[in-house]
C-alpha atoms as a PDB file:
ATOM      1  CA  MET A   1      94.337 -47.477 308.956  1.00  0.00           C
ATOM      2  CA  PRO A   2      95.068 -47.301 312.610  1.00  0.00           C
ATOM      3  CA  ILE A   3      96.827 -49.570 314.861  1.00  0.00           C
ATOM      4  CA  SER A   4      94.287 -52.073 316.226  1.00  0.00           C
ATOM      5  CA  GLU A   5      94.278 -53.223 320.069  1.00  0.00           C
ATOM      6  CA  SER A   6      94.891 -56.587 319.276  1.00  0.00           C
ATOM      7  CA  THR A   7      98.359 -55.734 317.342  1.00  0.00           C
ATOM      8  CA  VAL A   8      99.453 -53.585 320.240  1.00  0.00           C
ATOM      9  CA  LYS A   9      98.595 -56.310 322.652  1.00  0.00           C
ATOM     10  CA  ARG A  10     100.683 -58.838 320.695  1.00  0.00           C
ATOM     11  CA  LEU A  11     103.726 -56.618 320.551  1.00  0.00           C
ATOM     12  CA  PHE A  12     103.667 -55.993 324.259  1.00  0.00           C
ATOM     13  CA  ALA A  13     103.447 -59.654 325.003  1.00  0.00           C
ATOM     14  CA  LYS A  14     106.074 -60.317 323.067  1.00  0.00           C
ATOM     15  CA  SER A  15     108.252 -57.449 324.213  1.00  0.00           C
ATOM     16  CA  HIS A  16     109.293 -58.751 327.418  1.00  0.00           C
ATOM     17  CA  ASN A  17     108.330 -54.894 328.589  1.00  0.00           C
ATOM     18  CA  GLN A  18     111.732 -54.107 327.595  1.00  0.00           C
ATOM     19  CA  CYS A  19     112.822 -51.809 324.478  1.00  0.00           C
ATOM     20  CA  ALA A  20     113.676 -54.016 321.752  1.00  0.00           C
ATOM     21  CA  MET A  21     117.015 -52.459 320.973  1.00  0.00           C
ATOM     22  CA  PRO A  22     120.097 -54.598 321.897  1.00  0.00           C
ATOM     23  CA  ARG A  23     122.037 -53.616 325.175  1.00  0.00           C
ATOM     24  CA  CYS A  24     119.035 -51.269 325.934  1.00  0.00           C
ATOM     25  CA  THR A  25     117.594 -52.466 329.537  1.00  0.00           C
ATOM     26  CA  SER A  26     114.776 -49.489 329.426  1.00  0.00           C
ATOM     27  CA  PRO A  27     111.317 -51.057 330.632  1.00  0.00           C
ATOM     28  CA  LEU A  28     108.555 -50.000 328.361  1.00  0.00           C
ATOM     29  CA  ILE A  29     105.977 -49.495 331.452  1.00  0.00           C
ATOM     30  CA  ILE A  30     107.003 -48.765 335.154  1.00  0.00           C
ATOM     31  CA  GLY A  31     104.201 -49.316 337.614  1.00  0.00           C
ATOM     32  CA  GLU A  32     101.255 -46.976 335.693  1.00  0.00           C
ATOM     33  CA  HIS A  33     103.719 -44.828 333.581  1.00  0.00           C
ATOM     34  CA  VAL A  34     103.996 -45.679 329.804  1.00  0.00           C
ATOM     35  CA  LEU A  35     107.365 -45.057 328.802  1.00  0.00           C
ATOM     36  CA  GLY A  36     107.326 -47.294 325.443  1.00  0.00           C
ATOM     37  CA  GLU A  37     106.478 -46.012 322.047  1.00  0.00           C
ATOM     38  CA  ILE A  38     105.192 -47.748 319.361  1.00  0.00           C
ATOM     39  CA  CYS A  39     107.952 -47.236 316.034  1.00  0.00           C
ATOM     40  CA  HIS A  40     107.040 -48.246 312.735  1.00  0.00           C
ATOM     41  CA  ILE A  41     109.978 -50.367 310.893  1.00  0.00           C
ATOM     42  CA  ARG A  42     108.898 -48.576 307.664  1.00  0.00           C
ATOM     43  CA  ALA A  43     107.329 -44.917 308.313  1.00  0.00           C
ATOM     44  CA  ARG A  44     103.984 -44.536 307.956  1.00  0.00           C
ATOM     45  CA  ARG A  45     104.166 -41.163 306.225  1.00  0.00           C
ATOM     46  CA  LYS A  46     106.246 -40.066 303.140  1.00  0.00           C
ATOM     47  CA  THR A  47     108.336 -37.532 305.027  1.00  0.00           C
ATOM     48  CA  GLY A  48     109.223 -40.576 307.910  1.00  0.00           C
ATOM     49  CA  ALA A  49     112.171 -42.336 308.378  1.00  0.00           C
ATOM     50  CA  ARG A  50     112.243 -45.629 306.454  1.00  0.00           C
ATOM     51  CA  TYR A  51     109.125 -44.934 304.339  1.00  0.00           C
ATOM     52  CA  ASP A  52     108.343 -47.601 301.694  1.00  0.00           C
ATOM     53  CA  PRO A  53     105.687 -46.198 299.055  1.00  0.00           C
ATOM     54  CA  ASN A  54     104.894 -50.154 298.191  1.00  0.00           C
ATOM     55  CA  LEU A  55     103.229 -50.870 301.619  1.00  0.00           C
ATOM     56  CA  SER A  56      99.780 -50.431 301.701  1.00  0.00           C
ATOM     57  CA  PRO A  57      98.182 -48.510 304.684  1.00  0.00           C
ATOM     58  CA  GLU A  58      97.176 -51.822 306.434  1.00  0.00           C
ATOM     59  CA  GLN A  59     100.777 -53.135 305.981  1.00  0.00           C
ATOM     60  CA  ARG A  60     102.090 -50.041 307.745  1.00  0.00           C
ATOM     61  CA  ASP A  61     100.205 -50.391 310.810  1.00  0.00           C
ATOM     62  CA  SER A  62     100.605 -54.432 311.065  1.00  0.00           C
ATOM     63  CA  PHE A  63     102.448 -56.250 313.416  1.00  0.00           C
ATOM     64  CA  GLY A  64     105.593 -57.429 311.048  1.00  0.00           C
ATOM     65  CA  ASN A  65     105.899 -53.311 310.510  1.00  0.00           C
ATOM     66  CA  LEU A  66     105.990 -52.230 314.356  1.00  0.00           C
ATOM     67  CA  ILE A  67     108.431 -52.469 317.329  1.00  0.00           C
ATOM     68  CA  LEU A  68     108.374 -51.108 320.825  1.00  0.00           C
ATOM     69  CA  LEU A  69     111.160 -49.196 321.609  1.00  0.00           C
ATOM     70  CA  CYS A  70     112.183 -46.689 324.574  1.00  0.00           C
ATOM     71  CA  PRO A  71     111.748 -43.061 323.590  1.00  0.00           C
ATOM     72  CA  THR A  72     115.421 -42.692 323.273  1.00  0.00           C
ATOM     73  CA  CYS A  73     116.007 -45.683 321.059  1.00  0.00           C
ATOM     74  CA  HIS A  74     112.914 -44.543 318.649  1.00  0.00           C
ATOM     75  CA  THR A  75     114.514 -41.131 318.283  1.00  0.00           C
ATOM     76  CA  LEU A  76     118.260 -42.785 317.577  1.00  0.00           C
ATOM     77  CA  ALA A  77     116.302 -44.877 315.042  1.00  0.00           C
ATOM     78  CA  ASP A  78     114.509 -42.343 313.162  1.00  0.00           C
ATOM     79  CA  LYS A  79     117.250 -39.822 313.148  1.00  0.00           C
ATOM     80  CA  ALA A  80     119.729 -42.053 311.804  1.00  0.00           C
ATOM     81  CA  PRO A  81     117.633 -44.234 309.048  1.00  0.00           C
ATOM     82  CA  GLY A  82     121.032 -44.626 307.108  1.00  0.00           C
ATOM     83  CA  ILE A  83     122.109 -46.957 310.299  1.00  0.00           C
ATOM     84  CA  TYR A  84     118.792 -48.108 311.578  1.00  0.00           C
ATOM     85  CA  THR A  85     117.553 -49.564 307.939  1.00  0.00           C
ATOM     86  CA  ALA A  86     114.002 -51.459 308.000  1.00  0.00           C
ATOM     87  CA  GLU A  87     116.273 -54.706 307.479  1.00  0.00           C
ATOM     88  CA  LEU A  88     118.181 -54.071 310.587  1.00  0.00           C
ATOM     89  CA  LEU A  89     115.199 -53.171 312.522  1.00  0.00           C
ATOM     90  CA  GLY A  90     113.407 -56.167 311.169  1.00  0.00           C
ATOM     91  CA  ASP A  91     116.438 -58.338 312.300  1.00  0.00           C
ATOM     92  CA  ILE A  92     116.268 -56.540 315.840  1.00  0.00           C
ATOM     93  CA  LYS A  93     112.505 -57.270 316.263  1.00  0.00           C
ATOM     94  CA  GLU A  94     113.111 -60.738 315.170  1.00  0.00           C
ATOM     95  CA  ILE A  95     115.524 -61.581 317.629  1.00  0.00           C
ATOM     96  CA  HIS A  96     113.888 -59.667 320.388  1.00  0.00           C
ATOM     97  CA  GLU A  97     110.565 -61.299 320.158  1.00  0.00           C
ATOM     98  CA  ARG A  98     112.018 -64.837 319.429  1.00  0.00           C
ATOM     99  CA  ASP A  99     111.828 -66.028 322.991  1.00  0.00           C
ATOM    100  CA  ALA A 100     108.735 -64.413 324.095  1.00  0.00           C
ATOM    101  CA  PRO A 101     105.734 -66.415 325.902  1.00  0.00           C
ATOM    102  CA  LEU A 102     102.634 -67.550 323.616  1.00  0.00           C
ATOM    103  CA  GLU A 103     100.178 -66.755 326.259  1.00  0.00           C
ATOM    104  CA  ILE A 104      98.912 -62.963 326.804  1.00  0.00           C
ATOM    105  CA  THR A 105      97.980 -62.945 330.731  1.00  0.00           C
ATOM    106  CA  ALA A 106      95.834 -60.497 332.184  1.00  0.00           C
ATOM    107  CA  GLU A 107      98.370 -58.054 333.487  1.00  0.00           C
ATOM    108  CA  VAL A 108     100.298 -58.223 330.022  1.00  0.00           C
ATOM    109  CA  ALA A 109      96.839 -57.181 328.161  1.00  0.00           C
ATOM    110  CA  ARG A 110      96.195 -54.345 330.873  1.00  0.00           C
ATOM    111  CA  GLN A 111      99.665 -53.163 330.456  1.00  0.00           C
ATOM    112  CA  ALA A 112      99.706 -53.389 326.511  1.00  0.00           C
ATOM    113  CA  LEU A 113      96.302 -51.136 326.634  1.00  0.00           C
ATOM    114  CA  MET A 114      98.209 -48.629 328.574  1.00  0.00           C
ATOM    115  CA  ILE A 115     100.555 -48.526 325.335  1.00  0.00           C
ATOM    116  CA  PHE A 116      97.592 -48.394 323.142  1.00  0.00           C
ATOM    117  CA  GLU A 117      95.861 -45.460 324.975  1.00  0.00           C
ATOM    118  CA  LYS A 118      98.937 -43.241 325.073  1.00  0.00           C
ATOM    119  CA  HIS A 119      99.170 -44.021 321.364  1.00  0.00           C
ATOM    120  CA  ARG A 120      95.864 -43.169 320.792  1.00  0.00           C
ATOM    121  CA  LEU A 121      95.991 -40.104 322.582  1.00  0.00           C
ATOM    122  CA  LYS A 122      99.475 -38.978 320.723  1.00  0.00           C
ATOM    123  CA  LYS A 123      97.346 -39.201 317.438  1.00  0.00           C
ATOM    124  CA  THR A 124      94.216 -37.517 318.838  1.00  0.00           C
ATOM    125  CA  ASN A 125      95.781 -34.461 320.318  1.00  0.00           C
ATOM    126  CA  SER A 126      98.021 -33.800 317.108  1.00  0.00           C
ATOM    127  CA  ILE A 127      97.660 -30.326 315.798  1.00  0.00           C
ATOM    128  CA  ARG A 128      95.255 -29.682 313.263  1.00  0.00           C
ATOM    129  CA  ARG A 129      95.145 -26.991 310.631  1.00  0.00           C
ATOM    130  CA  SER A 130      92.211 -24.671 310.827  1.00  0.00           C
ATOM    131  CA  SER A 131      91.402 -21.093 310.101  1.00  0.00           C
ATOM    132  CA  VAL A 132      90.097 -18.862 312.331  1.00  0.00           C
ATOM    133  CA  LYS A 133      87.024 -16.488 310.233  1.00  0.00           C
ATOM    134  CA  SER A 134      85.873 -14.324 313.051  1.00  0.00           C
ATOM    135  CA  GLN A 135      86.435 -12.541 315.921  1.00  0.00           C
ATOM    136  CA  THR A 136      87.916 -14.547 318.923  1.00  0.00           C
ATOM    137  CA  GLN A 137      86.031 -14.227 322.382  1.00  0.00           C
ATOM    138  CA  ALA A 138      86.465 -16.227 325.833  1.00  0.00           C
ATOM    139  CA  THR A 139      83.948 -16.254 328.822  1.00  0.00           C
ATOM    140  CA  ALA A 140      84.753 -17.263 332.392  1.00  0.00           C
ATOM    141  CA  THR A 141      82.494 -17.801 335.038  1.00  0.00           C
ATOM    142  CA  ALA A 142      83.781 -16.893 338.696  1.00  0.00           C
ATOM    143  CA  GLY A 143      86.503 -17.628 339.766  1.00  0.00           C
ATOM    144  CA  GLY A 144      87.669 -19.013 336.363  1.00  0.00           C
ATOM    145  CA  ILE A 145      90.127 -17.243 334.026  1.00  0.00           C
ATOM    146  CA  ALA A 146      89.418 -17.189 330.025  1.00  0.00           C
ATOM    147  CA  ILE A 147      91.938 -16.510 327.416  1.00  0.00           C
ATOM    148  CA  ALA A 148      91.269 -16.371 323.757  1.00  0.00           C
ATOM    149  CA  ILE A 149      93.795 -16.340 320.764  1.00  0.00           C
ATOM    150  CA  GLY A 150      93.004 -16.254 317.378  1.00  0.00           C
ATOM    151  CA  GLY A 151      95.349 -18.774 315.200  1.00  0.00           C
ATOM    152  CA  HIS A 152      97.569 -21.638 316.140  1.00  0.00           C
ATOM    153  CA  ASN A 153     100.018 -20.794 319.100  1.00  0.00           C
ATOM    154  CA  GLN A 154     102.749 -23.415 319.443  1.00  0.00           C
ATOM    155  CA  GLY A 155     104.001 -22.354 323.094  1.00  0.00           C
ATOM    156  CA  PRO A 156     102.770 -22.376 326.302  1.00  0.00           C
ATOM    157  CA  ILE A 157     100.519 -19.921 327.801  1.00  0.00           C
ATOM    158  CA  THR A 158     101.348 -19.407 331.841  1.00  0.00           C
ATOM    159  CA  VAL A 159      98.940 -16.771 333.596  1.00  0.00           C
ATOM    160  CA  ASN A 160     100.195 -16.300 337.070  1.00  0.00           C
ATOM    161  CA  LEU A 161      97.659 -14.242 339.456  1.00  0.00           C
ATOM    162  CA  PRO A 162      98.421 -12.594 342.793  1.00  0.00           C
ATOM    163  CA  LYS A 163      96.044 -13.252 345.402  1.00  0.00           C
ATOM    164  CA  LYS A 164      93.664 -10.280 344.464  1.00  0.00           C
ATOM    165  CA  GLU A 165      91.564 -10.762 341.797  1.00  0.00           C
ATOM    166  CA  TYR A 166      92.162  -8.403 338.351  1.00  0.00           C
ATOM    167  CA  CYS A 167      90.641  -8.332 335.089  1.00  0.00           C
ATOM    168  CA  ILE A 168      92.700  -8.925 332.050  1.00  0.00           C
ATOM    169  CA  GLY A 169      91.484  -7.099 329.022  1.00  0.00           C
ATOM    170  CA  SER A 170      92.711  -4.195 326.941  1.00  0.00           C
ATOM    171  CA  THR A 171      93.719  -2.625 330.272  1.00  0.00           C
ATOM    172  CA  LEU A 172      94.764  -4.154 333.426  1.00  0.00           C
ATOM    173  CA  SER A 173      92.989  -2.954 336.519  1.00  0.00           C
ATOM    174  CA  SER A 174      92.387  -4.171 340.117  1.00  0.00           C
ATOM    175  CA  GLN A 175      88.918  -4.926 341.403  1.00  0.00           C
END
């Protein structure tokens, strides 16, 4: 079950636009830039930090199991689950959210939607397994570049072209 928009709004409203980790002063949003990340206290996946098989999918993505952290603290918490236990993160969340305002302003809702969109895009841009069963091909129109590679590629592809136009294929030739 995906994290709901209303859950993210509530999380952000209670966050004071600050990472929940004690002594961390990192903001979650600066201007239009979203830095904050949604962290599961008990992991969503079996391979994740602090996974609890007794939680239902709804409980995993519920407000009580989520905390907003800066990228550094999120990484730290997930890399050291023996130190950052589910109980400790739950206490950190409770203390951080204790004095939060009860009202969600229009600006807080707008900023919360920015975090929600970052989280949604992170999930939709993940790599999915597929197989290439036929020849790969690419076509480009005038002024464009087309690159076709079969299979999954994890690294970046950089194409630097000088001012002259080139055709890249089995041979490189100047036109």
